[in-house]
Amino acid sequence: MLKAVLFDLDGTILNTNELIIASFLHTLEGETPRVYTREDIIRNFGRTLVDQMREYTGLQNVERYIAKYREFNIERHDELIMDFPHVGEVLEKLHRAGLRLGVVTSKIRKTSLMGLERFGLTPYLDAIITVEDVTEPKPHGEGILKAAAILGVKPEETLMVGDSQYDILAAKHAGTRVAGVAWTAKGEDYLSGLGPDYMIRDMRELLEICGVKSGGAD
């Protein structure tokens, strides 16, 4: 029986795809010999900002690039971020039905909270684990296990929901069930091929998976 649902943030419950792509392209423009494309950025969705910036620049010390990225990302945040259909509705119903909810993300806390508060999602969340709260980010299972411990549930009572291979692998490493989202920028076929327990095409499908009646609390 599921007692908790954990969500990835970017590309799963918040549509930050365009914000992330624009932030990287702005940061890297004129900085690297290679001109990076949208497809290059999408390929790395789900990795930490540090890891991605090191790959793109070929450097280990990427603090200057990260500062440039975050300045642009915060400045354009509310303009470029969007929500996904039915996210708030589903989180509210899961919360009201007594499930424990949390977020496990590779973002820093400041921008995580900016997005969650933008769409009024924080009241439904009992745990928010960011990249600043773990030693080993996804695809390691540390963040998921830490969230489950905060929520007081066992891994086998927990469902992780995400849009990238890093979410799928982290859930498997942590011993939880995992649902991929078909609206992933990486493509539904790609994510399905990683063997998630569920593949959802509409956020409302989580209600049935969790045994919650769509009409309200159960």
Protein backbone atom coordinates (compact mmCIF):
# COMPACT_ATOMS: atom_id res chain seq x y z
CA MET A 1 0.00 0.00 0.00
CA LEU A 2 1.37 3.41 -0.97
CA LYS A 3 1.66 5.90 1.87
CA ALA A 4 3.82 8.56 0.21
CA VAL A 5 4.49 10.10 -3.19
CA LEU A 6 7.71 11.91 -4.02
CA PHE A 7 8.04 14.15 -7.05
CA ASP A 8 10.91 15.39 -9.10
CA LEU A 9 10.52 19.11 -9.76
CA ASP A 10 11.73 20.30 -13.16
CA GLY A 11 9.84 18.71 -16.03
CA THR A 12 7.62 16.69 -13.69
CA ILE A 13 5.39 19.00 -11.66
CA LEU A 14 6.84 22.31 -12.92
CA ASN A 15 7.33 23.09 -16.59
CA THR A 16 10.71 24.76 -16.38
CA ASN A 17 11.96 23.33 -19.67
CA GLU A 18 12.16 26.64 -21.53
CA LEU A 19 13.63 28.41 -18.51
CA ILE A 20 16.41 25.84 -18.18
CA ILE A 21 17.20 25.76 -21.89
CA ALA A 22 17.29 29.56 -22.13
CA SER A 23 19.46 29.81 -19.01
CA PHE A 24 22.05 27.39 -20.37
CA LEU A 25 22.14 28.88 -23.86
CA HIS A 26 22.54 32.37 -22.39
CA THR A 27 25.34 31.20 -20.08
CA LEU A 28 27.28 29.27 -22.72
CA GLU A 29 26.96 31.73 -25.59
CA GLY A 30 30.45 32.87 -26.60
CA GLU A 31 32.02 30.88 -23.75
CA THR A 32 32.77 27.56 -25.43
CA PRO A 33 34.27 26.54 -28.80
CA ARG A 34 31.24 24.38 -29.47
CA VAL A 35 27.85 25.96 -30.01
CA TYR A 36 25.34 24.01 -27.90
CA THR A 37 21.77 23.38 -28.99
CA ARG A 38 18.44 22.83 -27.27
CA GLU A 39 18.86 19.09 -27.86
CA ASP A 40 22.21 19.08 -26.07
CA ILE A 41 20.63 20.71 -23.03
CA ILE A 42 17.58 18.42 -22.99
CA ARG A 43 19.83 15.36 -23.12
CA ASN A 44 21.26 16.34 -19.73
CA PHE A 45 17.98 17.24 -18.01
CA GLY A 46 18.00 15.77 -14.52
CA ARG A 47 21.72 16.12 -13.79
CA THR A 48 23.07 18.63 -11.30
CA LEU A 49 23.94 22.09 -12.57
CA VAL A 50 27.59 21.63 -11.58
CA ASP A 51 27.93 18.36 -13.52
CA GLN A 52 26.28 19.81 -16.59
CA MET A 53 28.37 22.97 -16.57
CA ARG A 54 31.57 20.95 -16.19
CA GLU A 55 30.64 18.87 -19.20
CA TYR A 56 29.76 21.85 -21.37
CA THR A 57 32.83 23.93 -20.49
CA GLY A 58 35.37 21.16 -19.97
CA LEU A 59 36.41 22.86 -16.73
CA GLN A 60 36.32 21.75 -13.11
CA ASN A 61 35.96 25.24 -11.62
CA VAL A 62 32.64 26.44 -13.01
CA GLU A 63 31.58 28.90 -10.31
CA ARG A 64 31.59 31.84 -12.73
CA TYR A 65 29.30 30.00 -15.14
CA ILE A 66 26.95 28.89 -12.38
CA ALA A 67 26.67 32.47 -11.11
CA LYS A 68 25.86 33.67 -14.66
CA TYR A 69 23.30 30.89 -15.08
CA ARG A 70 21.55 31.60 -11.79
CA GLU A 71 21.42 35.36 -12.34
CA PHE A 72 19.60 34.84 -15.65
CA ASN A 73 17.49 31.98 -14.30
CA ILE A 74 16.18 34.00 -11.36
CA GLU A 75 15.66 37.16 -13.43
CA ARG A 76 13.56 35.33 -16.05
CA HIS A 77 12.01 32.75 -13.70
CA ASP A 78 8.41 33.92 -13.47
CA GLU A 79 8.32 34.84 -17.14
CA LEU A 80 9.42 31.45 -18.49
CA ILE A 81 8.11 28.96 -15.92
CA MET A 82 4.73 27.29 -16.49
CA ASP A 83 2.64 24.68 -14.75
CA PHE A 84 1.55 21.29 -16.03
CA PRO A 85 -2.15 20.36 -16.22
CA HIS A 86 -3.86 19.08 -13.03
CA VAL A 87 -0.75 19.17 -10.83
CA GLY A 88 -2.20 21.36 -8.08
CA GLU A 89 -5.52 19.52 -8.19
CA VAL A 90 -3.88 16.11 -7.82
CA LEU A 91 -1.48 17.15 -5.05
CA GLU A 92 -4.38 18.65 -3.12
CA LYS A 93 -6.44 15.44 -3.43
CA LEU A 94 -3.52 13.18 -2.49
CA HIS A 95 -2.74 15.38 0.50
CA ARG A 96 -6.39 15.47 1.59
CA ALA A 97 -6.57 11.68 1.31
CA GLY A 98 -3.77 11.36 3.86
CA LEU A 99 -0.80 10.55 1.65
CA ARG A 100 2.52 12.10 2.60
CA LEU A 101 4.01 14.15 -0.23
CA GLY A 102 7.49 15.43 -0.97
CA VAL A 103 9.89 16.69 -3.60
CA VAL A 104 13.35 15.32 -4.40
CA THR A 105 15.18 17.60 -6.81
CA SER A 106 18.67 18.31 -8.15
CA LYS A 107 18.00 22.06 -7.84
CA ILE A 108 19.06 24.35 -5.02
CA ARG A 109 16.48 25.24 -2.39
CA LYS A 110 16.06 28.91 -3.38
CA THR A 111 14.90 28.25 -6.95
CA SER A 112 12.99 25.13 -5.90
CA LEU A 113 10.87 27.17 -3.51
CA MET A 114 10.44 29.94 -6.08
CA GLY A 115 8.79 27.50 -8.46
CA LEU A 116 6.70 25.70 -5.88
CA GLU A 117 5.42 28.94 -4.38
CA ARG A 118 4.70 30.39 -7.83
CA PHE A 119 1.95 27.78 -8.28
CA GLY A 120 0.90 27.35 -4.65
CA LEU A 121 2.22 23.81 -4.18
CA THR A 122 4.19 24.16 -0.94
CA PRO A 123 1.18 23.63 1.41
CA TYR A 124 0.86 20.04 0.18
CA LEU A 125 4.51 19.09 0.71
CA ASP A 126 5.86 17.58 3.92
CA ALA A 127 9.45 17.19 2.69
CA ILE A 128 11.56 19.09 0.18
CA ILE A 129 14.97 17.54 -0.50
CA THR A 130 17.26 19.61 -2.73
CA VAL A 131 20.77 19.07 -4.04
CA GLU A 132 21.99 21.01 -1.01
CA ASP A 133 20.57 18.38 1.35
CA VAL A 134 22.44 15.33 0.01
CA THR A 135 25.98 14.09 -0.42
CA GLU A 136 25.08 12.02 -3.47
CA PRO A 137 22.46 13.50 -5.84
CA LYS A 138 20.32 11.48 -8.24
CA PRO A 139 20.77 8.89 -9.72
CA HIS A 140 21.88 7.89 -6.21
CA GLY A 141 18.95 7.01 -3.96
CA GLU A 142 20.06 9.15 -0.99
CA GLY A 143 17.56 11.96 -1.55
CA ILE A 144 14.62 9.60 -1.86
CA LEU A 145 15.61 7.69 1.27
CA LYS A 146 16.07 10.93 3.18
CA ALA A 147 12.62 12.14 2.12
CA ALA A 148 11.03 8.82 3.07
CA ALA A 149 12.65 9.01 6.51
CA ILE A 150 11.30 12.54 7.05
CA LEU A 151 7.84 11.38 5.99
CA GLY A 152 8.01 8.35 8.27
CA VAL A 153 7.42 5.78 5.51
CA LYS A 154 9.30 2.78 4.20
CA PRO A 155 10.78 2.80 0.67
CA GLU A 156 8.38 0.05 -0.39
CA GLU A 157 5.47 2.27 0.68
CA THR A 158 6.72 5.11 -1.50
CA LEU A 159 6.24 6.10 -5.14
CA MET A 160 8.73 8.36 -6.92
CA VAL A 161 7.45 10.33 -9.93
CA GLY A 162 9.91 11.77 -12.43
CA ASP A 163 10.74 12.76 -15.98
CA SER A 164 14.33 11.57 -16.44
CA GLN A 165 16.53 8.50 -16.29
CA TYR A 166 18.04 9.90 -13.09
CA ASP A 167 14.67 9.74 -11.34
CA ILE A 168 14.04 6.17 -12.51
CA LEU A 169 17.49 5.00 -11.42
CA ALA A 170 17.35 6.82 -8.08
CA ALA A 171 14.02 5.18 -7.25
CA LYS A 172 15.35 1.74 -8.15
CA HIS A 173 18.45 2.30 -6.04
CA ALA A 174 16.28 3.42 -3.12
CA GLY A 175 13.87 0.49 -3.43
CA THR A 176 10.75 2.51 -4.14
CA ARG A 177 8.22 2.17 -6.92
CA VAL A 178 8.57 4.68 -9.72
CA ALA A 179 6.32 6.37 -12.27
CA GLY A 180 7.61 8.09 -15.38
CA VAL A 181 5.71 10.99 -16.91
CA ALA A 182 4.86 10.89 -20.60
CA TRP A 183 5.32 14.66 -20.92
CA THR A 184 9.07 14.30 -20.38
CA ALA A 185 11.19 16.35 -22.76
CA LYS A 186 13.28 13.23 -23.31
CA GLY A 187 10.37 11.43 -24.98
CA GLU A 188 7.93 8.86 -23.64
CA ASP A 189 9.53 5.94 -25.49
CA TYR A 190 12.91 6.67 -23.97
CA LEU A 191 11.59 6.82 -20.44
CA SER A 192 9.37 3.75 -20.91
CA GLY A 193 12.44 1.81 -22.01
CA LEU A 194 13.99 2.27 -18.56
CA GLY A 195 11.31 0.09 -16.99
CA PRO A 196 9.32 2.30 -14.61
CA ASP A 197 6.52 0.57 -12.69
CA TYR A 198 4.03 3.02 -14.20
CA MET A 199 4.00 5.43 -17.11
CA ILE A 200 1.44 8.19 -16.63
CA ARG A 201 0.09 10.36 -19.43
CA ASP A 202 -2.10 12.51 -17.19
CA MET A 203 -1.29 13.58 -13.64
CA ARG A 204 -4.75 12.45 -12.54
CA GLU A 205 -3.74 8.82 -13.13
CA LEU A 206 -1.81 9.06 -9.86
CA LEU A 207 -5.09 9.14 -7.98
CA GLU A 208 -6.03 5.64 -9.16
CA ILE A 209 -2.48 4.34 -8.62
CA CYS A 210 -2.64 5.60 -5.03
CA GLY A 211 -6.19 4.36 -4.44
CA VAL A 212 -7.69 7.84 -4.13
CA LYS A 213 -11.10 8.54 -5.60
CA SER A 214 -10.90 11.31 -8.20
CA GLY A 215 -13.94 13.01 -6.71
CA GLY A 216 -12.26 13.77 -3.41
CA ALA A 217 -10.69 12.28 -0.35
CA ASP A 218 -11.08 8.61 0.34
